[in-house]
N, C-alpha and C. Protein backbone atom coordinates (compact mmCIF):
# COMPACT_ATOMS: atom_id res chain seq x y z
N MET A 1 82.00 -126.03 -160.36
CA MET A 1 81.03 -125.57 -159.76
C MET A 1 80.47 -124.49 -160.40
N GLU A 2 79.01 -124.38 -160.57
CA GLU A 2 78.53 -123.24 -161.18
C GLU A 2 78.41 -122.18 -160.40
N LYS A 3 78.83 -120.97 -160.90
CA LYS A 3 78.84 -119.88 -160.06
C LYS A 3 77.55 -119.58 -159.29
N LEU A 4 77.63 -119.25 -157.99
CA LEU A 4 76.38 -118.79 -157.47
C LEU A 4 75.46 -117.78 -157.86
N SER A 5 75.71 -117.15 -158.42
CA SER A 5 74.93 -115.84 -159.06
C SER A 5 74.23 -116.47 -160.20
N ASP A 6 74.67 -117.60 -161.00
CA ASP A 6 74.02 -118.25 -162.22
C ASP A 6 73.04 -119.23 -161.65
N PHE A 7 73.68 -119.78 -160.39
CA PHE A 7 72.73 -121.02 -159.69
C PHE A 7 71.30 -120.19 -159.07
N ILE A 8 71.42 -119.02 -158.49
CA ILE A 8 70.40 -118.35 -158.07
C ILE A 8 69.55 -117.76 -159.26
N LEU A 9 70.18 -117.29 -160.18
CA LEU A 9 69.13 -116.64 -161.37
C LEU A 9 68.53 -118.00 -162.01
N ARG A 10 69.03 -119.20 -162.21
CA ARG A 10 68.71 -120.14 -162.66
C ARG A 10 67.40 -120.57 -162.06
N GLU A 11 67.64 -120.82 -160.28
CA GLU A 11 66.50 -121.66 -159.68
C GLU A 11 65.47 -120.54 -159.35
N ASN A 12 65.91 -119.25 -159.71
CA ASN A 12 64.74 -117.96 -159.53
C ASN A 12 64.06 -117.51 -160.84
N ARG A 13 64.33 -117.98 -161.75
CA ARG A 13 63.95 -117.72 -163.07
C ARG A 13 62.57 -117.29 -163.38
N THR A 14 61.78 -118.05 -162.90
CA THR A 14 60.21 -117.68 -163.21
C THR A 14 59.85 -116.46 -162.35
N VAL A 15 60.23 -116.33 -161.12
CA VAL A 15 59.73 -115.22 -160.46
C VAL A 15 60.63 -114.01 -160.97
N PHE A 16 61.83 -114.10 -161.37
CA PHE A 16 62.74 -113.04 -162.01
C PHE A 16 61.84 -112.58 -163.07
N ASP A 17 61.65 -113.42 -163.85
CA ASP A 17 60.91 -113.18 -165.27
C ASP A 17 59.45 -112.31 -164.91
N GLU A 18 58.88 -112.70 -164.02
CA GLU A 18 57.70 -112.17 -163.65
C GLU A 18 57.67 -110.83 -163.18
N MET A 19 58.61 -110.73 -162.45
CA MET A 19 59.20 -108.92 -162.14
C MET A 19 59.64 -108.13 -163.52
N VAL A 20 60.39 -108.51 -163.84
CA VAL A 20 60.55 -107.95 -165.20
C VAL A 20 59.66 -107.73 -166.37
N GLY A 21 58.86 -108.58 -166.18
CA GLY A 21 57.68 -108.44 -167.15
C GLY A 21 56.51 -108.06 -166.43
N HIS A 22 56.51 -107.52 -165.21
CA HIS A 22 55.23 -106.73 -164.51
C HIS A 22 54.84 -105.84 -165.41
N ARG A 23 53.45 -105.53 -165.02
CA ARG A 23 52.53 -104.45 -165.43
C ARG A 23 53.27 -103.25 -165.41
N PHE A 24 53.92 -102.96 -164.29
CA PHE A 24 54.74 -101.59 -164.03
C PHE A 24 55.74 -101.29 -164.98
N VAL A 25 56.71 -102.33 -165.50
CA VAL A 25 57.56 -102.44 -166.72
C VAL A 25 56.92 -102.28 -167.99
N GLU A 26 55.87 -102.98 -168.36
CA GLU A 26 55.27 -103.11 -169.44
C GLU A 26 54.44 -101.38 -169.55
N ASP A 27 53.91 -101.04 -168.88
CA ASP A 27 53.59 -99.63 -168.81
C ASP A 27 54.52 -98.66 -169.43
N ILE A 28 55.67 -98.76 -168.59
CA ILE A 28 56.65 -97.71 -169.06
C ILE A 28 57.10 -98.07 -170.36
N LYS A 29 57.25 -99.22 -170.79
CA LYS A 29 57.66 -99.53 -171.95
C LYS A 29 56.72 -98.96 -173.20
N ALA A 30 55.66 -99.15 -172.99
CA ALA A 30 54.65 -98.48 -173.73
C ALA A 30 54.00 -97.12 -173.42
N ASP A 31 54.89 -96.58 -172.77
CA ASP A 31 54.69 -95.10 -172.10
C ASP A 31 53.12 -94.79 -172.03
N THR A 32 52.56 -95.58 -171.02
CA THR A 32 51.12 -95.68 -170.86
C THR A 32 51.36 -95.51 -169.10
N LEU A 33 52.04 -95.60 -168.45
CA LEU A 33 52.14 -95.71 -167.00
C LEU A 33 51.32 -94.64 -166.31
N PRO A 34 50.29 -94.99 -165.66
CA PRO A 34 49.29 -93.65 -165.41
C PRO A 34 49.95 -92.68 -164.29
N THR A 35 49.89 -91.54 -164.55
CA THR A 35 50.37 -90.55 -163.42
C THR A 35 50.34 -90.86 -161.99
N SER A 36 48.93 -91.14 -161.76
CA SER A 36 48.89 -91.40 -160.33
C SER A 36 49.35 -92.74 -160.02
N ALA A 37 49.74 -93.82 -160.56
CA ALA A 37 50.45 -94.79 -160.31
C ALA A 37 52.15 -94.59 -160.23
N PHE A 38 52.61 -93.84 -161.19
CA PHE A 38 54.03 -93.24 -161.15
C PHE A 38 54.06 -92.37 -159.72
N GLU A 39 53.13 -91.39 -159.64
CA GLU A 39 53.48 -90.74 -158.07
C GLU A 39 53.47 -91.28 -157.22
N ARG A 40 52.48 -92.29 -156.94
CA ARG A 40 52.53 -93.49 -155.81
C ARG A 40 53.72 -94.02 -155.65
N TYR A 41 54.22 -94.73 -156.99
CA TYR A 41 55.42 -95.38 -156.74
C TYR A 41 56.81 -94.57 -156.53
N LEU A 42 56.73 -93.00 -156.77
CA LEU A 42 57.55 -92.14 -155.95
C LEU A 42 57.74 -92.33 -154.87
N VAL A 43 56.53 -91.99 -154.30
CA VAL A 43 56.47 -91.92 -152.57
C VAL A 43 56.88 -93.14 -152.05
N PHE A 44 56.36 -94.37 -152.54
CA PHE A 44 56.54 -95.77 -151.94
C PHE A 44 58.40 -95.68 -151.94
N GLU A 45 58.53 -95.69 -153.24
CA GLU A 45 60.10 -96.21 -153.68
C GLU A 45 61.25 -95.06 -152.76
N GLY A 46 60.60 -93.77 -152.75
CA GLY A 46 61.40 -92.79 -152.02
C GLY A 46 61.76 -93.30 -150.63
N ALA A 47 60.48 -93.79 -149.70
CA ALA A 47 60.68 -94.18 -148.61
C ALA A 47 61.42 -95.40 -148.35
N PHE A 48 61.50 -96.30 -149.21
CA PHE A 48 62.25 -97.37 -149.30
C PHE A 48 63.74 -97.04 -149.53
N VAL A 49 64.02 -96.14 -150.36
CA VAL A 49 65.40 -95.58 -150.36
C VAL A 49 66.19 -95.59 -149.13
N GLU A 50 65.20 -94.57 -148.36
CA GLU A 50 65.92 -94.38 -146.80
C GLU A 50 65.98 -95.95 -146.18
N THR A 51 65.31 -96.49 -146.27
CA THR A 51 65.46 -98.03 -145.71
C THR A 51 66.43 -98.63 -146.34
N ALA A 52 66.66 -98.52 -147.51
CA ALA A 52 68.12 -99.21 -148.24
C ALA A 52 69.31 -98.72 -147.46
N ILE A 53 69.41 -97.37 -147.02
CA ILE A 53 70.49 -96.79 -146.53
C ILE A 53 70.69 -97.58 -145.11
N SER A 54 69.63 -97.83 -144.36
CA SER A 54 69.77 -98.83 -143.10
C SER A 54 70.47 -100.29 -143.67
N ILE A 55 69.79 -100.72 -144.62
CA ILE A 55 70.03 -102.20 -145.25
C ILE A 55 71.70 -102.31 -145.35
N PHE A 56 71.93 -101.35 -146.12
CA PHE A 56 73.60 -101.09 -146.60
C PHE A 56 74.22 -100.99 -145.43
N ALA A 57 73.82 -99.94 -144.35
CA ALA A 57 74.54 -99.71 -143.19
C ALA A 57 74.97 -101.22 -142.28
N TYR A 58 73.56 -102.11 -142.35
CA TYR A 58 73.94 -103.24 -141.58
C TYR A 58 75.01 -104.13 -142.46
N ALA A 59 75.06 -104.13 -143.69
CA ALA A 59 76.08 -104.81 -144.36
C ALA A 59 77.45 -104.25 -144.28
N THR A 60 77.39 -102.94 -144.19
CA THR A 60 78.82 -102.34 -143.76
C THR A 60 79.47 -102.69 -142.60
N ALA A 61 78.60 -102.74 -141.57
CA ALA A 61 78.86 -103.01 -140.19
C ALA A 61 79.19 -104.54 -140.06
N LYS A 62 78.57 -105.46 -141.09
CA LYS A 62 78.77 -106.91 -141.02
C LYS A 62 79.96 -107.43 -141.94
N ALA A 63 80.32 -106.25 -142.81
CA ALA A 63 81.57 -106.84 -143.72
C ALA A 63 82.85 -107.22 -142.91
N GLU A 64 83.36 -107.83 -143.75
CA GLU A 64 84.60 -108.69 -142.83
C GLU A 64 86.06 -108.13 -143.29
N THR A 65 85.99 -107.13 -144.45
CA THR A 65 87.09 -106.94 -145.01
C THR A 65 86.69 -105.06 -145.38
N MET A 66 87.99 -104.40 -145.40
CA MET A 66 88.01 -103.17 -145.56
C MET A 66 87.66 -102.79 -147.04
N THR A 67 87.95 -103.83 -147.82
CA THR A 67 87.84 -103.43 -149.16
C THR A 67 86.19 -103.66 -149.35
N ASP A 68 85.20 -104.30 -148.78
CA ASP A 68 83.92 -104.70 -148.92
C ASP A 68 83.34 -103.23 -148.17
N ARG A 69 84.06 -102.79 -146.99
CA ARG A 69 83.36 -101.49 -146.43
C ARG A 69 83.53 -100.24 -147.20
N ARG A 70 84.62 -100.10 -147.64
CA ARG A 70 84.92 -98.96 -148.62
C ARG A 70 83.92 -99.04 -149.80
N TRP A 71 83.56 -100.22 -150.30
CA TRP A 71 82.66 -100.16 -151.58
C TRP A 71 81.40 -99.88 -150.95
N LEU A 72 80.94 -100.41 -149.71
CA LEU A 72 79.49 -100.27 -149.18
C LEU A 72 79.13 -98.95 -148.68
N ILE A 73 80.42 -98.32 -148.50
CA ILE A 73 80.33 -96.83 -147.92
C ILE A 73 79.95 -95.93 -149.26
N GLY A 74 80.60 -96.14 -150.36
CA GLY A 74 80.48 -95.50 -151.54
C GLY A 74 78.85 -95.98 -151.92
N VAL A 75 78.16 -97.01 -151.85
CA VAL A 75 76.95 -97.25 -151.93
C VAL A 75 76.11 -96.49 -151.12
N LEU A 76 76.28 -96.19 -149.76
CA LEU A 76 75.63 -95.21 -148.74
C LEU A 76 75.59 -93.81 -149.37
N ASP A 77 76.89 -93.16 -149.85
CA ASP A 77 76.94 -91.83 -150.32
C ASP A 77 75.87 -91.97 -151.63
N ALA A 78 75.79 -92.85 -152.41
CA ALA A 78 74.99 -92.67 -153.73
C ALA A 78 73.60 -92.59 -153.47
N LEU A 79 73.13 -93.40 -152.41
CA LEU A 79 71.83 -93.57 -151.92
C LEU A 79 71.48 -92.20 -151.34
N ALA A 80 72.56 -91.59 -150.44
CA ALA A 80 71.88 -90.64 -149.70
C ALA A 80 71.96 -89.27 -150.56
N ASN A 81 72.89 -89.01 -151.32
CA ASN A 81 73.54 -87.92 -152.07
C ASN A 81 72.82 -87.85 -153.65
N SER A 82 72.60 -88.93 -154.26
CA SER A 82 71.86 -89.08 -155.39
C SER A 82 70.63 -89.55 -155.45
N GLN A 83 70.24 -90.66 -154.95
CA GLN A 83 68.84 -91.25 -155.04
C GLN A 83 68.17 -90.30 -154.09
N ILE A 84 68.39 -90.26 -152.83
CA ILE A 84 67.32 -89.22 -152.10
C ILE A 84 67.38 -87.88 -152.69
N ALA A 85 68.37 -87.30 -153.27
CA ALA A 85 68.29 -86.14 -153.92
C ALA A 85 67.24 -85.85 -155.14
N TYR A 86 67.11 -87.40 -155.98
CA TYR A 86 66.31 -87.20 -156.86
C TYR A 86 64.83 -87.31 -156.42
N PHE A 87 64.65 -88.00 -155.42
CA PHE A 87 63.09 -87.79 -155.00
C PHE A 87 63.07 -86.64 -154.34
N GLU A 88 63.73 -85.68 -153.59
CA GLU A 88 63.32 -84.47 -153.14
C GLU A 88 63.05 -83.62 -154.38
N LYS A 89 64.06 -83.51 -155.19
CA LYS A 89 63.77 -82.64 -156.65
C LYS A 89 62.43 -82.95 -157.38
N THR A 90 62.04 -84.30 -157.50
CA THR A 90 60.97 -84.69 -158.03
C THR A 90 59.60 -84.21 -157.27
N PHE A 91 59.66 -84.52 -156.08
CA PHE A 91 58.53 -84.27 -155.01
C PHE A 91 58.23 -82.71 -155.00
N ALA A 92 59.30 -81.92 -155.32
CA ALA A 92 59.09 -80.43 -155.26
C ALA A 92 58.41 -80.03 -156.73
N ALA A 93 59.12 -80.67 -157.48
CA ALA A 93 58.69 -80.26 -159.31
C ALA A 93 57.21 -80.85 -159.45
N ARG A 94 57.18 -82.07 -159.01
CA ARG A 94 55.35 -82.39 -159.12
C ARG A 94 54.20 -82.01 -158.15
N GLY A 95 55.01 -81.22 -157.04
CA GLY A 95 54.09 -80.71 -156.07
C GLY A 95 53.42 -81.67 -155.23
N ILE A 96 54.30 -83.06 -154.90
CA ILE A 96 53.78 -84.27 -154.50
C ILE A 96 53.90 -84.04 -152.83
N ASP A 97 52.89 -83.97 -152.05
CA ASP A 97 52.67 -84.02 -150.66
C ASP A 97 52.92 -85.51 -150.12
N VAL A 98 54.33 -85.63 -149.75
CA VAL A 98 54.29 -87.14 -149.04
C VAL A 98 53.30 -87.41 -147.90
N ALA A 99 53.14 -86.66 -147.41
CA ALA A 99 52.22 -86.83 -146.16
C ALA A 99 50.74 -87.36 -146.59
N GLY A 100 50.37 -87.12 -147.82
CA GLY A 100 49.32 -87.55 -148.21
C GLY A 100 49.09 -89.06 -148.67
N PHE A 101 50.03 -89.74 -148.77
CA PHE A 101 50.51 -91.07 -149.07
C PHE A 101 50.52 -91.99 -147.85
N ASP A 102 49.83 -93.12 -147.83
CA ASP A 102 49.94 -94.14 -146.67
C ASP A 102 51.10 -95.25 -147.44
N VAL A 103 52.58 -95.05 -146.80
CA VAL A 103 53.49 -95.80 -146.82
C VAL A 103 53.32 -97.10 -146.07
N ASP A 104 52.34 -97.05 -145.35
CA ASP A 104 52.14 -98.56 -144.44
C ASP A 104 51.14 -99.55 -144.99
N ILE A 105 50.82 -99.30 -146.40
CA ILE A 105 49.78 -100.52 -147.12
C ILE A 105 50.55 -101.86 -146.98
N PRO A 106 49.82 -102.69 -146.81
CA PRO A 106 50.44 -104.11 -146.53
C PRO A 106 51.38 -104.41 -147.15
N ALA A 107 51.47 -104.35 -148.82
CA ALA A 107 52.29 -104.84 -149.80
C ALA A 107 53.68 -103.82 -149.49
N VAL A 108 53.62 -102.70 -149.31
CA VAL A 108 54.74 -101.64 -149.13
C VAL A 108 55.36 -101.71 -147.69
N ALA A 109 54.76 -102.28 -146.91
CA ALA A 109 55.27 -102.32 -145.37
C ALA A 109 56.10 -103.90 -145.31
N ARG A 110 55.49 -104.84 -146.21
CA ARG A 110 55.97 -106.05 -146.12
C ARG A 110 57.09 -105.97 -146.92
N PHE A 111 57.69 -105.54 -147.89
CA PHE A 111 58.65 -105.10 -148.83
C PHE A 111 59.84 -104.41 -147.85
N ARG A 112 59.28 -103.38 -147.21
CA ARG A 112 59.99 -102.51 -146.38
C ARG A 112 60.86 -103.32 -145.06
N ASP A 113 59.74 -104.10 -144.27
CA ASP A 113 59.99 -104.74 -143.31
C ASP A 113 60.78 -105.93 -143.59
N GLY A 114 60.36 -106.53 -144.76
CA GLY A 114 61.00 -107.97 -145.34
C GLY A 114 62.54 -107.83 -145.30
N MET A 115 62.68 -106.67 -146.15
CA MET A 115 64.08 -106.63 -146.83
C MET A 115 65.24 -106.05 -145.68
N LEU A 116 64.15 -105.15 -144.75
CA LEU A 116 65.39 -104.75 -143.40
C LEU A 116 65.52 -105.81 -142.71
N ALA A 117 64.71 -106.81 -142.86
CA ALA A 117 64.85 -108.18 -141.67
C ALA A 117 65.94 -109.05 -141.99
N ILE A 118 66.10 -109.22 -143.35
CA ILE A 118 67.05 -109.86 -144.21
C ILE A 118 68.57 -109.46 -143.68
N ALA A 119 68.61 -108.10 -143.68
CA ALA A 119 69.65 -107.39 -143.26
C ALA A 119 70.31 -107.49 -141.63
N ARG A 120 69.21 -107.40 -141.08
CA ARG A 120 69.40 -107.24 -139.85
C ARG A 120 69.61 -108.56 -139.05
N ASP A 121 68.88 -109.76 -139.43
CA ASP A 121 68.68 -110.79 -138.91
C ASP A 121 69.72 -111.72 -139.50
N GLY A 122 70.08 -111.60 -140.97
CA GLY A 122 70.58 -112.56 -141.35
C GLY A 122 72.46 -112.11 -141.40
N GLY A 123 73.09 -112.65 -142.28
CA GLY A 123 74.77 -112.55 -142.17
C GLY A 123 74.85 -111.66 -143.53
N PHE A 124 76.25 -110.98 -143.49
CA PHE A 124 76.60 -110.19 -144.62
C PHE A 124 76.02 -110.81 -145.70
N ILE A 125 76.38 -111.94 -146.18
CA ILE A 125 76.10 -112.32 -147.73
C ILE A 125 74.73 -112.52 -147.89
N ASP A 126 73.64 -112.59 -146.78
CA ASP A 126 72.34 -112.43 -146.87
C ASP A 126 71.80 -111.18 -147.71
N THR A 127 72.45 -110.30 -147.03
CA THR A 127 72.17 -108.68 -147.48
C THR A 127 72.52 -108.68 -148.80
N ILE A 128 73.57 -109.23 -149.41
CA ILE A 128 74.20 -109.19 -150.86
C ILE A 128 73.09 -109.79 -151.68
N ALA A 129 72.74 -111.05 -151.20
CA ALA A 129 71.77 -111.99 -152.09
C ALA A 129 70.47 -111.01 -152.10
N ALA A 130 69.94 -110.58 -151.21
CA ALA A 130 68.82 -109.83 -151.30
C ALA A 130 68.79 -108.65 -152.13
N MET A 131 70.06 -107.73 -152.16
CA MET A 131 70.03 -106.32 -152.75
C MET A 131 70.44 -107.02 -154.18
N PHE A 132 71.22 -107.99 -154.54
CA PHE A 132 71.66 -108.41 -155.97
C PHE A 132 70.05 -108.74 -156.41
N ALA A 133 69.21 -109.50 -155.82
CA ALA A 133 67.92 -109.51 -156.38
C ALA A 133 67.45 -108.20 -156.66
N ALA A 134 67.18 -107.39 -155.98
CA ALA A 134 66.74 -105.83 -156.35
C ALA A 134 67.52 -105.02 -157.31
N GLU A 135 68.83 -104.92 -157.39
CA GLU A 135 69.53 -104.28 -158.26
C GLU A 135 69.48 -104.95 -159.59
N TRP A 136 69.92 -106.23 -159.52
CA TRP A 136 70.19 -106.83 -160.99
C TRP A 136 68.64 -106.76 -161.70
N MET A 137 67.30 -106.95 -160.95
CA MET A 137 66.16 -106.80 -161.45
C MET A 137 66.21 -105.29 -162.02
N TYR A 138 66.46 -104.57 -161.27
CA TYR A 138 66.41 -102.83 -161.85
C TYR A 138 67.37 -102.61 -163.12
N TRP A 139 68.14 -103.02 -162.86
CA TRP A 139 69.32 -102.66 -164.10
C TRP A 139 68.85 -103.41 -165.06
N THR A 140 68.34 -105.01 -165.20
CA THR A 140 67.90 -105.64 -166.30
C THR A 140 66.75 -104.91 -166.79
N TRP A 141 65.69 -104.53 -166.31
CA TRP A 141 64.49 -104.02 -167.06
C TRP A 141 64.48 -102.51 -167.42
N SER A 142 65.75 -101.79 -166.44
CA SER A 142 65.81 -100.39 -167.14
C SER A 142 66.37 -100.25 -168.24
N GLN A 143 67.53 -101.26 -168.28
CA GLN A 143 68.19 -101.27 -169.83
C GLN A 143 67.10 -101.68 -170.86
N GLN A 144 66.03 -102.56 -170.82
CA GLN A 144 65.32 -102.75 -171.76
C GLN A 144 64.36 -101.49 -172.05
N VAL A 145 63.75 -100.78 -170.99
CA VAL A 145 62.71 -99.77 -171.18
C VAL A 145 63.39 -98.19 -171.53
N GLU A 146 64.76 -98.21 -171.49
CA GLU A 146 65.34 -97.19 -171.77
C GLU A 146 65.48 -97.00 -173.78
N GLN A 147 65.12 -98.27 -174.16
CA GLN A 147 65.03 -98.15 -175.72
C GLN A 147 64.06 -97.62 -176.26
N ASN A 148 62.82 -97.33 -175.19
CA ASN A 148 61.56 -96.87 -175.65
C ASN A 148 61.46 -95.26 -175.25
N ARG A 149 60.34 -94.89 -176.11
CA ARG A 149 60.11 -93.37 -175.74
C ARG A 149 59.45 -93.22 -174.44
N ILE A 150 60.11 -92.37 -173.61
CA ILE A 150 59.35 -92.22 -172.27
C ILE A 150 59.24 -90.70 -172.17
N SER A 151 57.95 -90.31 -172.42
CA SER A 151 57.49 -88.77 -172.50
C SER A 151 57.54 -87.99 -171.04
N ASP A 152 57.61 -88.84 -169.78
CA ASP A 152 57.65 -88.13 -168.55
C ASP A 152 59.31 -87.73 -168.50
N PRO A 153 60.10 -86.94 -168.56
CA PRO A 153 61.17 -86.38 -168.41
C PRO A 153 61.70 -87.06 -166.82
N LEU A 154 60.98 -86.74 -165.88
CA LEU A 154 61.50 -87.24 -164.42
C LEU A 154 61.60 -88.76 -164.48
N LEU A 155 60.29 -89.43 -165.09
CA LEU A 155 60.32 -90.95 -165.08
C LEU A 155 61.55 -91.45 -166.01
N ALA A 156 62.01 -90.65 -167.08
CA ALA A 156 63.39 -90.90 -168.00
C ALA A 156 64.27 -90.87 -166.99
N GLU A 157 64.26 -89.98 -166.29
CA GLU A 157 65.92 -89.79 -165.29
C GLU A 157 65.68 -90.75 -164.52
N TRP A 158 64.85 -91.22 -164.11
CA TRP A 158 64.69 -92.20 -163.05
C TRP A 158 65.53 -93.47 -163.70
N ILE A 159 64.88 -93.84 -164.65
CA ILE A 159 65.29 -95.02 -165.57
C ILE A 159 67.07 -94.66 -165.80
N GLY A 160 67.44 -93.53 -166.19
CA GLY A 160 68.88 -93.24 -166.41
C GLY A 160 69.64 -93.45 -165.11
N LEU A 161 69.01 -93.18 -163.98
CA LEU A 161 69.66 -93.34 -162.71
C LEU A 161 70.20 -95.11 -162.72
N HIS A 162 69.33 -95.80 -163.22
CA HIS A 162 69.12 -97.42 -162.94
C HIS A 162 69.89 -98.03 -164.14
N THR A 163 70.81 -97.24 -165.15
CA THR A 163 71.37 -97.55 -166.28
C THR A 163 72.65 -97.06 -166.45
N ASP A 164 73.07 -96.00 -165.60
CA ASP A 164 74.33 -95.25 -165.58
C ASP A 164 75.38 -96.43 -165.13
N GLU A 165 76.55 -95.95 -165.37
CA GLU A 165 77.99 -96.53 -164.99
C GLU A 165 77.99 -96.82 -163.56
N THR A 166 77.56 -96.14 -162.79
CA THR A 166 77.47 -96.03 -161.23
C THR A 166 76.76 -97.20 -160.83
N PHE A 167 75.31 -97.21 -161.35
CA PHE A 167 74.57 -98.42 -160.91
C PHE A 167 74.87 -99.57 -161.57
N ALA A 168 75.09 -99.33 -162.68
CA ALA A 168 75.62 -100.89 -163.13
C ALA A 168 76.81 -101.57 -162.40
N ALA A 169 78.04 -100.57 -162.15
CA ALA A 169 78.83 -101.00 -161.28
C ALA A 169 78.41 -101.90 -160.01
N GLN A 170 77.44 -101.41 -159.53
CA GLN A 170 76.92 -101.69 -158.21
C GLN A 170 76.32 -103.13 -158.44
N ALA A 171 75.46 -103.19 -159.49
CA ALA A 171 74.88 -104.46 -159.84
C ALA A 171 75.93 -105.47 -159.99
N ILE A 172 77.02 -105.30 -160.84
CA ILE A 172 78.05 -106.20 -160.94
C ILE A 172 78.65 -106.46 -159.80
N TRP A 173 79.03 -105.67 -158.94
CA TRP A 173 79.78 -105.83 -157.75
C TRP A 173 78.78 -106.78 -156.73
N LEU A 174 77.78 -106.80 -156.92
CA LEU A 174 76.74 -107.43 -155.97
C LEU A 174 76.95 -108.89 -156.45
N LYS A 175 76.92 -109.08 -157.98
CA LYS A 175 76.91 -110.25 -158.66
C LYS A 175 78.33 -111.15 -158.41
N ASP A 176 79.62 -110.34 -158.49
CA ASP A 176 80.79 -110.74 -158.10
C ASP A 176 81.00 -111.11 -156.84
N ARG A 177 80.35 -110.55 -155.76
CA ARG A 177 80.48 -110.49 -154.43
C ARG A 177 79.91 -111.92 -154.08
N LEU A 178 78.82 -112.05 -154.86
CA LEU A 178 78.52 -113.60 -154.31
C LEU A 178 78.94 -114.66 -154.88
N ASN A 179 79.70 -114.52 -156.27
CA ASN A 179 80.21 -115.42 -156.62
C ASN A 179 81.70 -116.12 -155.98
N VAL A 180 82.07 -114.80 -155.48
CA VAL A 180 83.47 -115.37 -154.57
C VAL A 180 83.05 -115.94 -153.40
N ALA A 181 81.97 -115.45 -152.59
CA ALA A 181 81.77 -116.23 -151.39
C ALA A 181 81.07 -117.63 -151.74
N GLY A 182 80.19 -117.69 -152.99
CA GLY A 182 79.95 -118.93 -153.24
C GLY A 182 80.75 -120.14 -153.16
N GLU A 183 82.09 -119.80 -153.66
CA GLU A 183 83.07 -120.63 -154.00
C GLU A 183 83.34 -121.50 -152.58
N ALA A 184 82.91 -121.04 -151.30
CA ALA A 184 83.27 -121.64 -149.98
C ALA A 184 82.13 -122.17 -149.52
N LEU A 185 80.80 -122.00 -150.09
CA LEU A 185 79.84 -122.66 -149.27
C LEU A 185 79.20 -123.91 -149.86
N SER A 186 78.52 -124.44 -148.69
CA SER A 186 77.97 -125.79 -148.96
C SER A 186 76.70 -125.73 -149.90
N GLU A 187 76.19 -126.65 -150.36
CA GLU A 187 75.00 -126.91 -151.08
C GLU A 187 73.83 -126.16 -150.24
N ALA A 188 73.76 -126.58 -149.18
CA ALA A 188 72.66 -125.87 -148.08
C ALA A 188 72.68 -124.43 -147.80
N GLU A 189 74.05 -123.93 -148.00
CA GLU A 189 74.05 -122.36 -147.93
C GLU A 189 73.88 -121.80 -149.11
N ARG A 190 74.12 -122.25 -150.34
CA ARG A 190 73.73 -121.68 -151.64
C ARG A 190 72.14 -122.06 -151.80
N ALA A 191 71.49 -122.91 -151.29
CA ALA A 191 70.24 -123.14 -151.66
C ALA A 191 69.61 -121.66 -150.52
N HIS A 192 70.04 -121.60 -149.31
CA HIS A 192 69.50 -120.73 -148.39
C HIS A 192 69.55 -119.34 -149.11
N LEU A 193 70.59 -119.09 -149.71
CA LEU A 193 70.75 -117.73 -150.55
C LEU A 193 69.83 -117.50 -151.67
N SER A 194 69.86 -118.51 -152.44
CA SER A 194 68.71 -118.72 -153.48
C SER A 194 67.29 -118.33 -153.08
N ALA A 195 67.05 -119.11 -151.88
CA ALA A 195 65.51 -118.61 -151.15
C ALA A 195 65.61 -117.19 -150.79
N VAL A 196 66.60 -116.61 -150.30
CA VAL A 196 66.51 -115.18 -149.74
C VAL A 196 66.38 -114.28 -151.20
N PHE A 197 66.93 -114.54 -152.09
CA PHE A 197 67.00 -113.99 -153.53
C PHE A 197 65.29 -114.13 -153.91
N GLY A 198 64.75 -115.34 -153.89
CA GLY A 198 63.55 -115.41 -154.27
C GLY A 198 62.48 -114.57 -153.50
N GLU A 199 62.87 -114.71 -152.02
CA GLU A 199 61.97 -113.74 -151.30
C GLU A 199 61.93 -112.42 -151.51
N ALA A 200 63.01 -111.99 -151.77
CA ALA A 200 63.15 -110.57 -152.16
C ALA A 200 62.47 -110.15 -153.32
N MET A 201 62.49 -111.00 -154.20
CA MET A 201 61.84 -110.74 -155.74
C MET A 201 60.24 -110.73 -155.31
N ARG A 202 59.58 -111.64 -154.62
CA ARG A 202 58.31 -111.64 -154.24
C ARG A 202 57.98 -110.68 -153.67
N LEU A 203 58.63 -110.22 -152.84
CA LEU A 203 58.65 -108.66 -152.23
C LEU A 203 58.15 -107.88 -153.20
N GLU A 204 59.40 -107.50 -154.11
CA GLU A 204 59.20 -106.80 -155.18
C GLU A 204 58.05 -106.58 -155.89
N ILE A 205 57.61 -108.06 -156.53
CA ILE A 205 56.47 -108.08 -157.30
C ILE A 205 55.26 -107.49 -156.44
N ASP A 206 55.08 -107.71 -155.32
CA ASP A 206 54.17 -107.18 -154.43
C ASP A 206 54.10 -105.76 -154.25
N PHE A 207 55.34 -105.48 -154.24
CA PHE A 207 55.67 -103.74 -153.96
C PHE A 207 55.19 -102.92 -155.06
N HIS A 208 55.73 -103.59 -156.32
CA HIS A 208 55.12 -102.83 -157.72
C HIS A 208 53.66 -102.95 -157.97
N SER A 209 53.03 -104.13 -157.55
CA SER A 209 51.59 -104.20 -157.68
C SER A 209 50.90 -102.94 -156.74
N ALA A 210 51.27 -102.64 -155.74
CA ALA A 210 50.57 -101.76 -154.75
C ALA A 210 50.45 -100.46 -155.22
N VAL A 211 51.46 -100.09 -156.36
CA VAL A 211 51.17 -98.46 -156.93
C VAL A 211 50.04 -98.54 -157.86
N TYR A 212 49.35 -99.66 -158.10
CA TYR A 212 48.11 -99.71 -158.64
C TYR A 212 46.90 -99.78 -157.92
N GLU A 213 46.89 -100.14 -156.65
CA GLU A 213 45.66 -100.59 -155.86
C GLU A 213 44.55 -99.53 -155.86
N GLU A 214 45.33 -98.36 -155.60
CA GLU A 214 43.93 -97.36 -155.57
C GLU A 214 43.05 -97.24 -156.83
N ASP A 215 44.12 -97.18 -158.01
CA ASP A 215 43.36 -96.99 -159.32
C ASP A 215 42.43 -98.35 -159.48
N ASN A 216 43.06 -99.43 -159.21
CA ASN A 216 42.08 -100.64 -159.43
C ASN A 216 40.82 -100.44 -158.53
N ALA A 217 40.84 -99.96 -157.31
CA ALA A 217 39.62 -99.70 -156.30
C ALA A 217 38.62 -98.85 -156.99
N THR A 218 38.91 -97.86 -157.84
CA THR A 218 37.99 -96.82 -158.25
C THR A 218 37.43 -97.20 -159.74
């Protein structure tokens, strides 16, 4: 039987490639990401990382083995003490007033609420599928763009956070965890998880497009 992660990636190749080739990614590759878009992204993404803590907390609570719980506690630690710390430092360095941004615009709110709903209302493996979508995608395009010149050191640091060994291990763990679960799932259950992955990817696409909305309106 085809590994679950391979099945999911094959079934969602079009939407995955759309995200990996998103304007946001291409602008970073070309070193032309507008400052306004990057700073808007920082605020939107910083707010979502706080939501991700809740998402992984749901997964930790629903995990059935201590091995999974220990791993997920490590993820929570990394989110709270590495990624959140990055945003705190970056907001201070760039003088970004978070209160001056609307993090409830439709695409951003849909992403936050949609991903949280998967974790809250679905089973443990649903959350794994959704976060595999997010983290495999980030790991994929971050490896591509780090080969290019990135003149903004804070943007380069953000990319580096998604290509280091810790993040790579997390993306691979999610993939492997899906594959183990997939061995005991029915075709209908595998299809359901593929749909969860696809939903998460479409939410990601709209989220990343939202960082340009105000620029496009002017």
